[in-house]
Each structure stands twice: as C-alpha cells, then as structure tokens.
PDB file of N, CA and C in Angstrom:
ATOM      1  N   MET A   1     -44.646   8.932 -19.580  1.00  0.00           N
ATOM      2  CA  MET A   1     -43.686   8.207 -20.675  1.00  0.00           C
ATOM      3  C   MET A   1     -42.305   8.103 -19.077  1.00  0.00           C
ATOM      4  N   ILE A   2     -41.878   6.560 -19.449  1.00  0.00           N
ATOM      5  CA  ILE A   2     -40.816   5.990 -18.308  1.00  0.00           C
ATOM      6  C   ILE A   2     -39.558   6.699 -19.087  1.00  0.00           C
ATOM      7  N   GLU A   3     -38.696   7.399 -18.390  1.00  0.00           N
ATOM      8  CA  GLU A   3     -37.256   7.687 -18.802  1.00  0.00           C
ATOM      9  C   GLU A   3     -36.612   6.474 -18.389  1.00  0.00           C
ATOM     10  N   PRO A   4     -35.512   6.438 -19.231  1.00  0.00           N
ATOM     11  CA  PRO A   4     -34.531   5.281 -18.903  1.00  0.00           C
ATOM     12  C   PRO A   4     -33.613   5.702 -18.174  1.00  0.00           C
ATOM     13  N   LYS A   5     -32.981   4.787 -17.466  1.00  0.00           N
ATOM     14  CA  LYS A   5     -32.062   4.956 -16.152  1.00  0.00           C
ATOM     15  C   LYS A   5     -30.779   5.215 -16.815  1.00  0.00           C
ATOM     16  N   ARG A   6     -30.308   6.458 -16.171  1.00  0.00           N
ATOM     17  CA  ARG A   6     -28.883   7.045 -16.679  1.00  0.00           C
ATOM     18  C   ARG A   6     -27.844   6.439 -16.220  1.00  0.00           C
ATOM     19  N   GLN A   7     -26.796   5.823 -17.006  1.00  0.00           N
ATOM     20  CA  GLN A   7     -25.932   5.168 -16.505  1.00  0.00           C
ATOM     21  C   GLN A   7     -24.766   6.195 -15.734  1.00  0.00           C
ATOM     22  N   ARG A   8     -24.486   5.274 -14.899  1.00  0.00           N
ATOM     23  CA  ARG A   8     -23.404   6.363 -14.010  1.00  0.00           C
ATOM     24  C   ARG A   8     -21.804   6.189 -14.750  1.00  0.00           C
ATOM     25  N   PRO A   9     -21.212   7.290 -14.897  1.00  0.00           N
ATOM     26  CA  PRO A   9     -20.024   7.260 -15.297  1.00  0.00           C
ATOM     27  C   PRO A   9     -18.857   6.333 -14.646  1.00  0.00           C
ATOM     28  N   PRO A  10     -17.950   5.726 -15.384  1.00  0.00           N
ATOM     29  CA  PRO A  10     -17.205   4.764 -14.827  1.00  0.00           C
ATOM     30  C   PRO A  10     -16.353   5.529 -14.072  1.00  0.00           C
ATOM     31  N   GLN A  11     -16.242   4.817 -12.422  1.00  0.00           N
ATOM     32  CA  GLN A  11     -15.233   5.474 -11.341  1.00  0.00           C
ATOM     33  C   GLN A  11     -13.840   5.157 -11.797  1.00  0.00           C
ATOM     34  N   SER A  12     -13.084   5.972 -11.218  1.00  0.00           N
ATOM     35  CA  SER A  12     -11.484   5.755 -11.138  1.00  0.00           C
ATOM     36  C   SER A  12     -11.131   4.608 -10.637  1.00  0.00           C
ATOM     37  N   SER A  13     -10.048   4.117 -11.101  1.00  0.00           N
ATOM     38  CA  SER A  13      -9.633   2.643 -10.353  1.00  0.00           C
ATOM     39  C   SER A  13      -8.936   3.294  -9.224  1.00  0.00           C
ATOM     40  N   VAL A  14      -9.111   2.450  -7.904  1.00  0.00           N
ATOM     41  CA  VAL A  14      -8.497   2.700  -6.872  1.00  0.00           C
ATOM     42  C   VAL A  14      -7.049   1.779  -6.922  1.00  0.00           C
ATOM     43  N   HIS A  15      -6.051   2.273  -6.532  1.00  0.00           N
ATOM     44  CA  HIS A  15      -4.820   1.733  -6.629  1.00  0.00           C
ATOM     45  C   HIS A  15      -4.460   1.408  -5.244  1.00  0.00           C
ATOM     46  N   ALA A  16      -4.197   0.168  -4.880  1.00  0.00           N
ATOM     47  CA  ALA A  16      -4.054  -0.372  -3.590  1.00  0.00           C
ATOM     48  C   ALA A  16      -2.387  -0.345  -3.252  1.00  0.00           C
ATOM     49  N   GLY A  17      -2.133  -0.046  -2.066  1.00  0.00           N
ATOM     50  CA  GLY A  17      -0.835  -0.047  -1.743  1.00  0.00           C
ATOM     51  C   GLY A  17      -0.678  -1.083  -0.510  1.00  0.00           C
ATOM     52  N   GLY A  18      -1.205  -1.919  -0.650  1.00  0.00           N
ATOM     53  CA  GLY A  18      -1.197  -2.726   0.714  1.00  0.00           C
ATOM     54  C   GLY A  18       0.158  -3.799   0.490  1.00  0.00           C
ATOM     55  N   ILE A  19       0.431  -4.143  -0.895  1.00  0.00           N
ATOM     56  CA  ILE A  19       1.467  -4.928  -1.123  1.00  0.00           C
ATOM     57  C   ILE A  19       2.700  -4.226  -0.738  1.00  0.00           C
ATOM     58  N   PHE A  20       3.034  -2.913  -0.808  1.00  0.00           N
ATOM     59  CA  PHE A  20       3.887  -2.209  -0.262  1.00  0.00           C
ATOM     60  C   PHE A  20       4.332  -2.477   1.126  1.00  0.00           C
ATOM     61  N   ILE A  21       3.096  -2.804   2.072  1.00  0.00           N
ATOM     62  CA  ILE A  21       3.453  -2.740   3.408  1.00  0.00           C
ATOM     63  C   ILE A  21       3.642  -4.137   3.755  1.00  0.00           C
ATOM     64  N   ALA A  22       3.291  -4.995   3.054  1.00  0.00           N
ATOM     65  CA  ALA A  22       3.711  -6.514   3.119  1.00  0.00           C
ATOM     66  C   ALA A  22       5.340  -6.849   2.675  1.00  0.00           C
ATOM     67  N   LEU A  23       5.370  -5.888   1.444  1.00  0.00           N
ATOM     68  CA  LEU A  23       6.979  -6.285   0.765  1.00  0.00           C
ATOM     69  C   LEU A  23       7.908  -5.353   1.858  1.00  0.00           C
ATOM     70  N   GLY A  24       7.554  -4.304   2.591  1.00  0.00           N
ATOM     71  CA  GLY A  24       8.565  -3.717   3.614  1.00  0.00           C
ATOM     72  C   GLY A  24       8.698  -4.512   4.599  1.00  0.00           C
ATOM     73  N   VAL A  25       7.554  -5.319   5.284  1.00  0.00           N
ATOM     74  CA  VAL A  25       7.686  -6.136   6.516  1.00  0.00           C
ATOM     75  C   VAL A  25       8.908  -7.265   6.054  1.00  0.00           C
ATOM     76  N   ILE A  26       8.323  -8.022   4.918  1.00  0.00           N
ATOM     77  CA  ILE A  26       9.220  -9.207   4.448  1.00  0.00           C
ATOM     78  C   ILE A  26      10.699  -8.597   4.173  1.00  0.00           C
ATOM     79  N   GLY A  27      10.911  -7.206   3.612  1.00  0.00           N
ATOM     80  CA  GLY A  27      12.309  -6.953   3.278  1.00  0.00           C
ATOM     81  C   GLY A  27      12.837  -6.725   4.534  1.00  0.00           C
ATOM     82  N   GLY A  28      12.028  -6.132   5.567  1.00  0.00           N
ATOM     83  CA  GLY A  28      12.477  -5.681   6.937  1.00  0.00           C
ATOM     84  C   GLY A  28      13.145  -6.835   7.787  1.00  0.00           C
ATOM     85  N   ILE A  29      12.153  -8.039   7.267  1.00  0.00           N
ATOM     86  CA  ILE A  29      12.672  -9.246   8.113  1.00  0.00           C
ATOM     87  C   ILE A  29      14.046  -9.708   7.595  1.00  0.00           C
ATOM     88  N   LEU A  30      14.213  -9.766   6.295  1.00  0.00           N
ATOM     89  CA  LEU A  30      15.173 -10.139   5.662  1.00  0.00           C
ATOM     90  C   LEU A  30      16.573  -9.222   5.950  1.00  0.00           C
ATOM     91  N   ALA A  31      16.231  -7.656   5.981  1.00  0.00           N
ATOM     92  CA  ALA A  31      17.350  -6.900   6.310  1.00  0.00           C
ATOM     93  C   ALA A  31      18.093  -7.120   7.895  1.00  0.00           C
ATOM     94  N   GLY A  32      16.705  -7.232   8.858  1.00  0.00           N
ATOM     95  CA  GLY A  32      16.828  -7.713  10.067  1.00  0.00           C
ATOM     96  C   GLY A  32      17.858  -8.822  10.351  1.00  0.00           C
ATOM     97  N   LEU A  33      17.508  -9.872   9.715  1.00  0.00           N
ATOM     98  CA  LEU A  33      18.222 -11.413   9.739  1.00  0.00           C
ATOM     99  C   LEU A  33      19.579 -10.788   9.635  1.00  0.00           C
ATOM    100  N   ALA A  34      19.885 -10.112   8.126  1.00  0.00           N
ATOM    101  CA  ALA A  34      21.327  -9.887   7.983  1.00  0.00           C
ATOM    102  C   ALA A  34      22.131  -9.227   9.001  1.00  0.00           C
ATOM    103  N   THR A  35      21.024  -8.314   9.691  1.00  0.00           N
ATOM    104  CA  THR A  35      22.283  -7.327  10.618  1.00  0.00           C
ATOM    105  C   THR A  35      21.913  -7.588  11.857  1.00  0.00           C
ATOM    106  N   GLY A  36      21.263  -8.811  12.431  1.00  0.00           N
ATOM    107  CA  GLY A  36      21.111  -9.493  13.895  1.00  0.00           C
ATOM    108  C   GLY A  36      19.973  -8.672  14.592  1.00  0.00           C
ATOM    109  N   GLU A  37      19.416  -7.768  13.646  1.00  0.00           N
ATOM    110  CA  GLU A  37      18.308  -6.941  14.435  1.00  0.00           C
ATOM    111  C   GLU A  37      16.816  -7.119  13.819  1.00  0.00           C
ATOM    112  N   VAL A  38      16.234  -8.186  13.965  1.00  0.00           N
ATOM    113  CA  VAL A  38      14.920  -8.379  13.534  1.00  0.00           C
ATOM    114  C   VAL A  38      14.254  -7.418  13.734  1.00  0.00           C
ATOM    115  N   THR A  39      13.946  -7.028  14.791  1.00  0.00           N
ATOM    116  CA  THR A  39      12.900  -6.180  15.423  1.00  0.00           C
ATOM    117  C   THR A  39      12.985  -4.823  14.908  1.00  0.00           C
ATOM    118  N   MET A  40      14.077  -4.319  14.618  1.00  0.00           N
ATOM    119  CA  MET A  40      14.265  -3.004  14.208  1.00  0.00           C
ATOM    120  C   MET A  40      13.892  -3.073  12.365  1.00  0.00           C
ATOM    121  N   GLY A  41      14.434  -4.200  11.935  1.00  0.00           N
ATOM    122  CA  GLY A  41      14.414  -4.362  10.562  1.00  0.00           C
ATOM    123  C   GLY A  41      12.950  -4.452  10.115  1.00  0.00           C
ATOM    124  N   VAL A  42      11.887  -5.155  10.832  1.00  0.00           N
ATOM    125  CA  VAL A  42      10.581  -5.461  10.870  1.00  0.00           C
ATOM    126  C   VAL A  42       9.616  -3.857  11.055  1.00  0.00           C
ATOM    127  N   LEU A  43      10.472  -3.324  12.035  1.00  0.00           N
ATOM    128  CA  LEU A  43       9.498  -1.662  12.185  1.00  0.00           C
ATOM    129  C   LEU A  43      10.027  -0.941  11.209  1.00  0.00           C
ATOM    130  N   ILE A  44      11.064  -0.696  10.710  1.00  0.00           N
ATOM    131  CA  ILE A  44      11.846  -0.043   9.559  1.00  0.00           C
ATOM    132  C   ILE A  44      11.216  -0.384   8.455  1.00  0.00           C
ATOM    133  N   GLY A  45      11.100  -1.582   7.937  1.00  0.00           N
ATOM    134  CA  GLY A  45      10.293  -2.186   6.852  1.00  0.00           C
ATOM    135  C   GLY A  45       8.966  -1.881   6.513  1.00  0.00           C
ATOM    136  N   LEU A  46       8.157  -2.001   7.967  1.00  0.00           N
ATOM    137  CA  LEU A  46       6.765  -1.383   8.045  1.00  0.00           C
ATOM    138  C   LEU A  46       6.487  -0.176   8.066  1.00  0.00           C
ATOM    139  N   THR A  47       7.485   0.725   8.514  1.00  0.00           N
ATOM    140  CA  THR A  47       7.277   2.146   8.430  1.00  0.00           C
ATOM    141  C   THR A  47       7.426   2.731   6.949  1.00  0.00           C
ATOM    142  N   ILE A  48       8.664   1.833   6.108  1.00  0.00           N
ATOM    143  CA  ILE A  48       8.826   2.367   4.773  1.00  0.00           C
ATOM    144  C   ILE A  48       7.548   2.086   4.172  1.00  0.00           C
ATOM    145  N   GLY A  49       6.994   0.786   4.173  1.00  0.00           N
ATOM    146  CA  GLY A  49       5.715   0.141   3.495  1.00  0.00           C
ATOM    147  C   GLY A  49       4.697   1.029   3.712  1.00  0.00           C
ATOM    148  N   ILE A  50       4.510   1.461   4.945  1.00  0.00           N
ATOM    149  CA  ILE A  50       3.432   2.457   5.076  1.00  0.00           C
ATOM    150  C   ILE A  50       3.549   3.886   4.404  1.00  0.00           C
ATOM    151  N   VAL A  51       4.769   4.489   4.387  1.00  0.00           N
ATOM    152  CA  VAL A  51       4.742   5.755   3.654  1.00  0.00           C
ATOM    153  C   VAL A  51       4.663   5.521   2.141  1.00  0.00           C
ATOM    154  N   VAL A  52       5.151   4.432   1.491  1.00  0.00           N
ATOM    155  CA  VAL A  52       4.755   4.258   0.288  1.00  0.00           C
ATOM    156  C   VAL A  52       3.270   3.789  -0.105  1.00  0.00           C
ATOM    157  N   ALA A  53       2.571   3.246   0.780  1.00  0.00           N
ATOM    158  CA  ALA A  53       1.359   3.126   0.549  1.00  0.00           C
ATOM    159  C   ALA A  53       0.616   4.364   0.902  1.00  0.00           C
ATOM    160  N   LEU A  54       1.080   5.258   1.642  1.00  0.00           N
ATOM    161  CA  LEU A  54       0.319   6.606   1.700  1.00  0.00           C
ATOM    162  C   LEU A  54       0.600   7.313   0.716  1.00  0.00           C
ATOM    163  N   LEU A  55       1.636   7.629   0.073  1.00  0.00           N
ATOM    164  CA  LEU A  55       1.945   8.151  -1.105  1.00  0.00           C
ATOM    165  C   LEU A  55       1.338   7.725  -2.430  1.00  0.00           C
ATOM    166  N   ILE A  56       1.107   6.507  -2.565  1.00  0.00           N
ATOM    167  CA  ILE A  56       0.416   6.037  -3.514  1.00  0.00           C
ATOM    168  C   ILE A  56      -1.356   6.356  -3.493  1.00  0.00           C
ATOM    169  N   TRP A  57      -1.820   6.308  -2.161  1.00  0.00           N
ATOM    170  CA  TRP A  57      -3.072   6.646  -2.136  1.00  0.00           C
ATOM    171  C   TRP A  57      -3.277   8.101  -2.219  1.00  0.00           C
ATOM    172  N   TRP A  58      -2.292   9.113  -1.784  1.00  0.00           N
ATOM    173  CA  TRP A  58      -2.275  10.260  -1.865  1.00  0.00           C
ATOM    174  C   TRP A  58      -2.151  10.949  -3.345  1.00  0.00           C
ATOM    175  N   ARG A  59      -1.323  10.136  -4.142  1.00  0.00           N
ATOM    176  CA  ARG A  59      -1.318  10.560  -5.622  1.00  0.00           C
ATOM    177  C   ARG A  59      -2.479  10.083  -6.480  1.00  0.00           C
ATOM    178  N   GLY A  60      -3.455   9.186  -5.774  1.00  0.00           N
ATOM    179  CA  GLY A  60      -4.374   8.702  -6.321  1.00  0.00           C
ATOM    180  C   GLY A  60      -5.907   9.447  -6.079  1.00  0.00           C
ATOM    181  N   ARG A  61      -5.580  10.196  -5.201  1.00  0.00           N
ATOM    182  CA  ARG A  61      -6.707  11.000  -5.051  1.00  0.00           C
ATOM    183  C   ARG A  61      -7.100  12.586  -5.799  1.00  0.00           C
TER     184      ARG A  61
END
C-alpha cells in the first residue's frame, strides 16, 4: 500500500533587516550633508544599519 506524503510543517517567516542597512546609509548621507562630513555620515549610518539588521536577525533565531 502506498503511504501518502506527509506535509511539512510551515517554516517560520524570516525577518529581513536589509532595509535598515539601506535606510542607515541614506540617513547617514543626509546627516553628513547637514554637518559637512558626508563620508563619516555614511559610515556611521551604515554601522547603525548593520547593527539593527543583526539584532533583527539574532532576535529571529
């Protein structure tokens, strides 16, 4: 007798944090333009975006 295939349980949804990296860079550019330090603004915004994305990834694990 052929057994029916078992359905897999639904996997948990993955939370994406890439938007925070992009928003961090854009926010850093804007803050850098306002202060006259665009490079520092981009680097700080990128760092903040990466930290937030990692926190979201870590929380979802």
